[in-house]
Amino acid sequence: MRASFRILTTAIQAAGARALSMPSAWWSLLALERPVVDGQQLSPRLQVLATLGKRELLARRPPSPATRARFDVLTRIAGGVDHTDVAVSTIQLSGPAGPLSARLYEPTELRRPCGLLVYVHGGGWHLGSAAGFDAPARLLATRARVKVLSVDYRLAPEHPFPAAFDDVLAAYRFAVDHAPDWNVDRTRIAIGGDSAGGNLAAATALHLGANSRYRPALAVLLYPVVDTSMAGYRSSDLFTVPLDRGCVERALAWYAPDPHTALDPRVCVLHAPNVNRMPATHIATAGMDVLRDQGEALAHRLGDLAVPVSLERYDNLPHGFATMLADPDARAATEDIADTVHARIGEPQRH
């Protein structure tokens, strides 16, 4: 049964990838409404990709196994055709509730010791997997010239906070402890993630900020959730594709149902009293994203506290663009993020 499912999903992904590789002019013929919001507009291809993911992200009920499988297939289709030369292996890490699965991406001809990015996938804490988010992990590894460890973690609502945080924290510590085994330079290990994964990456970086052994060299946060309240942000009520305010609030309720955790720094990084402990941080926001303004608020707060921080907004792109690499603009933005990673922890320049 599993073999048949893999064959079917592979065929679907191949067909979807071929369709997504069609020229931009072809996509313009599709009769999809592309509203101009806040002076921005998605490309025809991105409008389709963002709309495809909306069904799972806007669901009002907790996901079933079938929903999660469908989301992973859609995410892999949106990633486009892979042409990267990278070795991928599945490894087991020691987690707080048992073994954790992760995927280690190793570009060819990488000079050793090398840098490592521990990557945390998105999906609202209740969807997604390392396998489903294969495309951004591959691109980051090959473009930044670092190894990437993409981590699976326990999903909500079956496993509410702090399960996912505890898993990511354990995975990051495992990576640091085993850096010599992987020919990784322990001083060039970063943590990153997108959306809910960006939240987990930020929370982990903050938690380890005062730890001399485990403090990350860099936190790379792609359109992250950093506040447990959507109130007070203009972008919260501007955008509806692929997710809207209600979607984020439901995801937060599934992940952190106890109201007493609303200001826990392991969930709400923006308002953490010790946020000045964050390591050097790079934040990338999407111009057409409900989470845009809170991500930028974190960048401004870190800057006010003299934390080394850089911020880049990518206009005309939706939430989740790093998984939509079949689109040229989304790919270019993700490559730009990878270049930042390379500049911080990638291969040093030869002299």
Protein backbone atom coordinates (compact mmCIF):
# COMPACT_ATOMS: atom_id res chain seq x y z
CA MET A 1 0.00 0.00 0.00
CA ARG A 2 2.77 2.43 0.94
CA ALA A 3 4.70 1.58 -2.23
CA SER A 4 1.62 2.25 -4.36
CA PHE A 5 1.06 5.56 -2.59
CA ARG A 6 4.68 6.60 -3.21
CA ILE A 7 4.38 5.72 -6.90
CA LEU A 8 1.14 7.69 -7.20
CA THR A 9 2.49 10.76 -5.40
CA THR A 10 5.69 10.68 -7.47
CA ALA A 11 3.62 10.66 -10.65
CA ILE A 12 1.46 13.53 -9.39
CA GLN A 13 4.54 15.53 -8.43
CA ALA A 14 6.13 14.97 -11.83
CA ALA A 15 2.99 16.06 -13.66
CA GLY A 16 2.61 19.10 -11.43
CA ALA A 17 6.24 20.07 -11.87
CA ARG A 18 5.89 19.90 -15.66
CA ALA A 19 2.82 22.12 -15.54
CA LEU A 20 4.54 24.63 -13.27
CA SER A 21 7.51 24.85 -15.64
CA MET A 22 5.29 26.33 -18.36
CA PRO A 23 6.22 29.91 -19.40
CA SER A 24 4.79 32.81 -17.43
CA ALA A 25 2.75 33.91 -20.45
CA TRP A 26 0.88 30.59 -20.31
CA TRP A 27 -0.09 31.18 -16.70
CA SER A 28 -1.44 34.61 -17.57
CA LEU A 29 -4.15 32.88 -19.60
CA LEU A 30 -5.65 31.31 -16.48
CA ALA A 31 -8.76 33.10 -15.33
CA LEU A 32 -7.69 33.55 -11.70
CA GLU A 33 -8.47 36.80 -9.97
CA ARG A 34 -5.25 38.54 -8.91
CA PRO A 35 -6.23 41.43 -6.65
CA VAL A 36 -3.88 44.32 -6.04
CA VAL A 37 -3.43 44.63 -2.27
CA ASP A 38 -1.27 47.24 -0.58
CA GLY A 39 0.07 48.18 -4.02
CA GLN A 40 1.26 44.63 -4.72
CA GLN A 41 0.10 41.75 -6.89
CA LEU A 42 1.03 38.08 -7.11
CA SER A 43 2.19 36.68 -10.43
CA PRO A 44 -0.31 34.31 -12.13
CA ARG A 45 1.81 31.29 -11.18
CA LEU A 46 2.11 32.37 -7.54
CA GLN A 47 -1.62 33.06 -7.36
CA VAL A 48 -2.28 29.46 -8.38
CA LEU A 49 0.30 28.04 -5.97
CA ALA A 50 -0.94 30.13 -3.05
CA THR A 51 -4.54 29.16 -3.77
CA LEU A 52 -3.68 25.45 -3.94
CA GLY A 53 -2.29 25.50 -0.43
CA LYS A 54 -5.17 27.51 0.99
CA ARG A 55 -7.51 24.55 1.52
CA GLU A 56 -5.28 22.78 4.01
CA LEU A 57 -4.06 25.94 5.73
CA LEU A 58 -7.56 27.37 6.24
CA ALA A 59 -9.08 24.13 7.54
CA ARG A 60 -11.12 24.62 10.70
CA ARG A 61 -10.61 21.07 11.93
CA PRO A 62 -7.36 19.45 13.07
CA PRO A 63 -5.63 17.68 10.18
CA SER A 64 -6.08 14.01 9.37
CA PRO A 65 -3.21 11.83 8.10
CA ALA A 66 -4.66 12.23 4.59
CA THR A 67 -4.64 16.02 4.94
CA ARG A 68 -1.01 15.97 6.01
CA ALA A 69 -0.06 13.69 3.13
CA ARG A 70 -1.87 15.93 0.65
CA PHE A 71 -0.14 19.02 2.04
CA ASP A 72 3.26 17.37 1.63
CA VAL A 73 2.48 16.45 -1.99
CA LEU A 74 1.35 20.01 -2.78
CA THR A 75 4.47 21.42 -1.12
CA ARG A 76 6.74 19.17 -3.17
CA ILE A 77 4.91 20.08 -6.39
CA ALA A 78 5.30 23.79 -5.62
CA GLY A 79 9.03 23.23 -5.15
CA GLY A 80 9.42 22.52 -8.86
CA VAL A 81 11.89 20.28 -10.64
CA ASP A 82 15.07 19.60 -8.70
CA HIS A 83 18.39 19.92 -10.53
CA THR A 84 20.67 20.21 -7.50
CA ASP A 85 23.68 17.99 -6.92
CA VAL A 86 23.29 17.14 -3.26
CA ALA A 87 23.39 13.90 -1.28
CA VAL A 88 20.46 13.34 1.07
CA SER A 89 20.45 10.86 3.94
CA THR A 90 17.89 10.16 6.63
CA ILE A 91 19.27 10.05 10.15
CA GLN A 92 17.91 9.49 13.63
CA LEU A 93 18.53 12.01 16.41
CA SER A 94 18.02 11.65 20.15
CA GLY A 95 14.84 13.48 21.13
CA PRO A 96 13.15 14.19 24.47
CA ALA A 97 10.34 11.68 23.78
CA GLY A 98 12.23 9.21 21.62
CA PRO A 99 14.13 9.24 18.32
CA LEU A 100 13.63 12.14 15.91
CA SER A 101 13.95 11.79 12.16
CA ALA A 102 15.93 14.31 10.14
CA ARG A 103 17.32 14.68 6.62
CA LEU A 104 20.96 15.67 6.13
CA TYR A 105 21.72 17.49 2.87
CA GLU A 106 25.37 17.47 1.79
CA PRO A 107 26.42 19.36 -1.36
CA THR A 108 29.11 17.75 -3.47
CA GLU A 109 32.72 18.92 -3.28
CA LEU A 110 32.11 20.82 -0.06
CA ARG A 111 35.28 21.86 1.69
CA ARG A 112 35.64 20.51 5.23
CA PRO A 113 35.06 21.48 7.91
CA CYS A 114 31.95 23.24 6.67
CA GLY A 115 29.02 25.23 8.00
CA LEU A 116 25.68 23.71 8.97
CA LEU A 117 22.16 25.12 8.90
CA VAL A 118 19.63 23.36 11.13
CA TYR A 119 16.37 23.96 9.26
CA VAL A 120 12.86 23.79 10.73
CA HIS A 121 9.95 23.38 8.32
CA GLY A 122 6.74 25.38 8.44
CA GLY A 123 3.12 24.29 8.32
CA GLY A 124 1.45 25.98 11.28
CA TRP A 125 2.93 23.50 13.78
CA HIS A 126 0.32 20.95 12.57
CA LEU A 127 1.32 20.30 8.95
CA GLY A 128 4.53 19.73 7.02
CA SER A 129 7.56 17.48 7.23
CA ALA A 130 11.23 17.50 6.38
CA ALA A 131 10.46 15.39 3.31
CA GLY A 132 7.71 17.74 2.17
CA PHE A 133 10.01 20.75 2.52
CA ASP A 134 12.74 19.09 0.48
CA ALA A 135 13.01 21.88 -2.12
CA PRO A 136 14.03 24.78 0.16
CA ALA A 137 16.46 22.54 2.05
CA ARG A 138 18.15 21.50 -1.21
CA LEU A 139 18.38 25.06 -2.46
CA LEU A 140 19.79 26.39 0.80
CA ALA A 141 22.40 23.63 0.92
CA THR A 142 23.63 24.03 -2.65
CA ARG A 143 23.41 27.81 -2.90
CA ALA A 144 24.83 28.60 0.55
CA ARG A 145 27.44 25.81 0.28
CA VAL A 146 26.63 24.42 3.71
CA LYS A 147 25.18 21.21 5.03
CA VAL A 148 21.52 21.42 5.98
CA LEU A 149 19.90 19.33 8.69
CA SER A 150 16.13 19.45 8.11
CA VAL A 151 14.33 18.30 11.23
CA ASP A 152 11.01 16.55 11.80
CA TYR A 153 9.24 17.39 15.04
CA ARG A 154 6.05 16.35 16.80
CA LEU A 155 2.99 18.08 15.39
CA ALA A 156 0.00 19.72 17.07
CA PRO A 157 -2.69 19.30 18.17
CA GLU A 158 -1.76 15.74 19.16
CA HIS A 159 1.46 17.11 20.64
CA PRO A 160 0.89 20.66 21.90
CA PHE A 161 3.52 23.10 23.16
CA PRO A 162 6.23 22.57 24.26
CA ALA A 163 6.64 19.32 22.27
CA ALA A 164 7.78 20.88 18.99
CA PHE A 165 10.04 23.37 20.76
CA ASP A 166 11.61 20.62 22.86
CA ASP A 167 12.23 18.52 19.74
CA VAL A 168 13.89 21.36 17.82
CA LEU A 169 16.00 22.33 20.82
CA ALA A 170 17.16 18.72 21.19
CA ALA A 171 17.90 18.45 17.47
CA TYR A 172 20.00 21.62 17.51
CA ARG A 173 21.99 20.47 20.54
CA PHE A 174 22.49 17.08 18.88
CA ALA A 175 23.85 18.81 15.78
CA VAL A 176 26.34 20.84 17.80
CA ASP A 177 27.45 17.81 19.81
CA HIS A 178 27.94 15.72 16.66
CA ALA A 179 29.51 18.45 14.52
CA PRO A 180 32.94 16.74 14.41
CA ASP A 181 31.31 13.51 13.20
CA TRP A 182 29.84 15.41 10.23
CA ASN A 183 33.00 17.43 9.48
CA VAL A 184 31.17 20.58 10.56
CA ASP A 185 32.82 23.65 12.08
CA ARG A 186 31.03 24.12 15.40
CA THR A 187 31.49 27.90 15.19
CA ARG A 188 29.55 28.00 11.90
CA ILE A 189 26.26 26.37 12.88
CA ALA A 190 23.08 28.36 12.30
CA ILE A 191 19.40 27.70 12.85
CA GLY A 192 16.64 28.72 10.47
CA GLY A 193 13.07 28.03 9.54
CA ASP A 194 10.00 29.33 7.78
CA SER A 195 6.63 30.37 9.21
CA ALA A 196 5.92 28.17 12.26
CA GLY A 197 9.39 26.74 11.71
CA GLY A 198 10.69 30.29 11.91
CA ASN A 199 8.95 30.59 15.26
CA LEU A 200 10.62 27.42 16.52
CA ALA A 201 14.00 28.51 15.16
CA ALA A 202 13.70 31.94 16.78
CA ALA A 203 12.61 30.46 20.11
CA THR A 204 15.49 27.99 20.06
CA ALA A 205 18.01 30.69 19.18
CA LEU A 206 16.74 32.87 22.02
CA HIS A 207 16.77 29.98 24.49
CA LEU A 208 20.40 29.23 23.65
CA GLY A 209 21.47 32.85 23.31
CA ALA A 210 23.39 32.93 26.58
CA ASN A 211 24.91 29.46 26.19
CA SER A 212 28.50 29.72 25.01
CA ARG A 213 28.55 26.15 23.65
CA TYR A 214 25.24 26.11 21.82
CA ARG A 215 24.62 29.75 20.86
CA PRO A 216 23.90 29.75 17.10
CA ALA A 217 26.16 31.71 14.79
CA LEU A 218 23.05 33.01 13.04
CA ALA A 219 19.26 32.78 13.16
CA VAL A 220 17.59 32.84 9.73
CA LEU A 221 13.87 33.53 10.03
CA LEU A 222 11.66 33.35 6.95
CA TYR A 223 8.27 35.08 7.43
CA PRO A 224 8.18 33.85 11.04
CA VAL A 225 5.43 33.83 13.65
CA VAL A 226 6.91 35.85 16.51
CA ASP A 227 3.82 37.18 18.32
CA THR A 228 0.88 35.24 19.76
CA SER A 229 -1.44 38.17 19.03
CA MET A 230 -2.38 39.28 15.53
CA ALA A 231 -3.82 42.55 16.84
CA GLY A 232 -2.12 45.82 16.07
CA TYR A 233 -0.48 44.78 12.81
CA ARG A 234 -1.76 46.32 9.59
CA SER A 235 -0.82 43.26 7.55
CA SER A 236 -2.92 40.97 9.76
CA ASP A 237 -6.14 41.98 8.02
CA LEU A 238 -4.79 42.81 4.57
CA PHE A 239 -3.96 39.43 3.08
CA THR A 240 -5.94 36.19 2.75
CA VAL A 241 -3.88 33.93 0.45
CA PRO A 242 -2.54 31.38 1.23
CA LEU A 243 -3.48 32.07 4.85
CA ASP A 244 -5.43 34.69 6.72
CA ARG A 245 -5.62 35.95 10.27
CA GLY A 246 -8.09 33.27 11.35
CA CYS A 247 -5.80 30.55 10.06
CA VAL A 248 -2.88 31.81 12.13
CA GLU A 249 -5.03 32.16 15.23
CA ARG A 250 -6.39 28.61 14.88
CA ALA A 251 -2.90 27.22 14.36
CA LEU A 252 -1.69 29.01 17.48
CA ALA A 253 -4.67 27.65 19.45
CA TRP A 254 -3.84 24.09 18.36
CA TYR A 255 -0.15 24.51 19.15
CA ALA A 256 -0.41 26.47 22.42
CA PRO A 257 -3.95 25.96 23.76
CA ASP A 258 -3.09 27.05 27.31
CA PRO A 259 -3.64 30.84 27.49
CA HIS A 260 -0.91 31.07 30.12
CA THR A 261 1.66 30.36 27.40
CA ALA A 262 0.69 33.43 25.36
CA LEU A 263 3.73 35.38 26.55
CA ASP A 264 6.06 32.42 27.09
CA PRO A 265 9.29 33.41 25.29
CA ARG A 266 9.41 29.92 23.77
CA VAL A 267 6.25 30.89 21.84
CA CYS A 268 6.15 34.69 21.77
CA VAL A 269 9.69 35.74 20.93
CA LEU A 270 8.84 39.35 20.10
CA HIS A 271 7.83 40.25 23.66
CA ALA A 272 10.41 38.13 25.47
CA PRO A 273 12.06 40.23 28.20
CA ASN A 274 15.44 38.75 27.29
CA VAL A 275 15.11 39.07 23.52
CA ASN A 276 18.42 40.96 23.52
CA ARG A 277 20.07 37.54 23.92
CA MET A 278 19.23 36.66 20.32
CA PRO A 279 22.27 35.87 18.18
CA ALA A 280 22.88 37.68 14.91
CA THR A 281 19.57 37.42 13.06
CA HIS A 282 18.41 37.69 9.46
CA ILE A 283 14.67 38.14 8.90
CA ALA A 284 13.02 37.75 5.50
CA THR A 285 9.39 38.82 5.12
CA ALA A 286 6.94 38.45 2.25
CA GLY A 287 5.26 41.63 1.06
CA MET A 288 1.83 39.99 0.75
CA ASP A 289 1.72 38.08 4.03
CA VAL A 290 -0.41 38.41 7.17
CA LEU A 291 2.76 37.85 9.22
CA ARG A 292 4.78 40.54 7.46
CA ASP A 293 4.49 43.31 10.03
CA GLN A 294 5.18 41.21 13.12
CA GLY A 295 8.33 39.79 11.56
CA GLU A 296 9.49 43.31 10.79
CA ALA A 297 8.57 44.42 14.32
CA LEU A 298 11.01 41.83 15.66
CA ALA A 299 13.73 43.16 13.38
CA HIS A 300 13.14 46.70 14.62
CA ARG A 301 13.12 45.63 18.27
CA LEU A 302 16.36 43.70 17.88
CA GLY A 303 17.93 46.69 16.15
CA ASP A 304 16.85 48.97 19.00
CA LEU A 305 18.56 46.57 21.42
CA ALA A 306 21.80 46.58 19.40
CA VAL A 307 21.41 42.94 18.34
CA PRO A 308 23.03 42.45 14.91
CA VAL A 309 20.02 42.10 12.62
CA SER A 310 19.24 42.41 8.93
CA LEU A 311 15.80 42.61 7.35
CA GLU A 312 14.69 42.03 3.78
CA ARG A 313 11.13 42.37 2.52
CA TYR A 314 10.27 40.65 -0.76
CA ASP A 315 7.37 42.53 -2.31
CA ASN A 316 4.78 40.82 -4.52
CA LEU A 317 5.49 37.47 -2.85
CA PRO A 318 3.12 35.49 -0.59
CA HIS A 319 3.59 33.69 2.67
CA GLY A 320 5.41 30.43 2.02
CA PHE A 321 7.36 31.61 -1.03
CA ALA A 322 10.41 29.51 -0.10
CA THR A 323 8.36 26.40 -0.86
CA MET A 324 7.17 27.81 -4.21
CA LEU A 325 10.47 27.51 -6.05
CA ALA A 326 8.74 26.64 -9.32
CA ASP A 327 8.12 30.39 -9.56
CA PRO A 328 11.16 32.42 -10.74
CA ASP A 329 10.57 35.33 -8.36
CA ALA A 330 10.10 33.06 -5.34
CA ARG A 331 13.25 31.16 -6.29
CA ALA A 332 15.25 34.38 -6.69
CA ALA A 333 14.17 35.57 -3.25
CA THR A 334 15.09 32.25 -1.65
CA GLU A 335 18.45 32.28 -3.43
CA ASP A 336 19.03 35.75 -1.99
CA ILE A 337 18.38 34.38 1.50
CA ALA A 338 20.77 31.51 0.80
CA ASP A 339 23.42 34.03 -0.23
CA THR A 340 23.06 35.68 3.17
CA VAL A 341 23.56 32.30 4.84
CA HIS A 342 26.64 31.70 2.69
CA ALA A 343 28.10 35.07 3.65
CA ARG A 344 27.74 34.26 7.36
CA ILE A 345 28.56 30.54 7.66
CA GLY A 346 29.40 29.29 4.16
CA GLU A 347 32.75 28.36 2.68
CA PRO A 348 35.40 31.01 3.39
CA GLN A 349 36.93 32.71 0.40
CA ARG A 350 40.10 31.17 -0.96
CA HIS A 351 43.17 33.40 -0.87
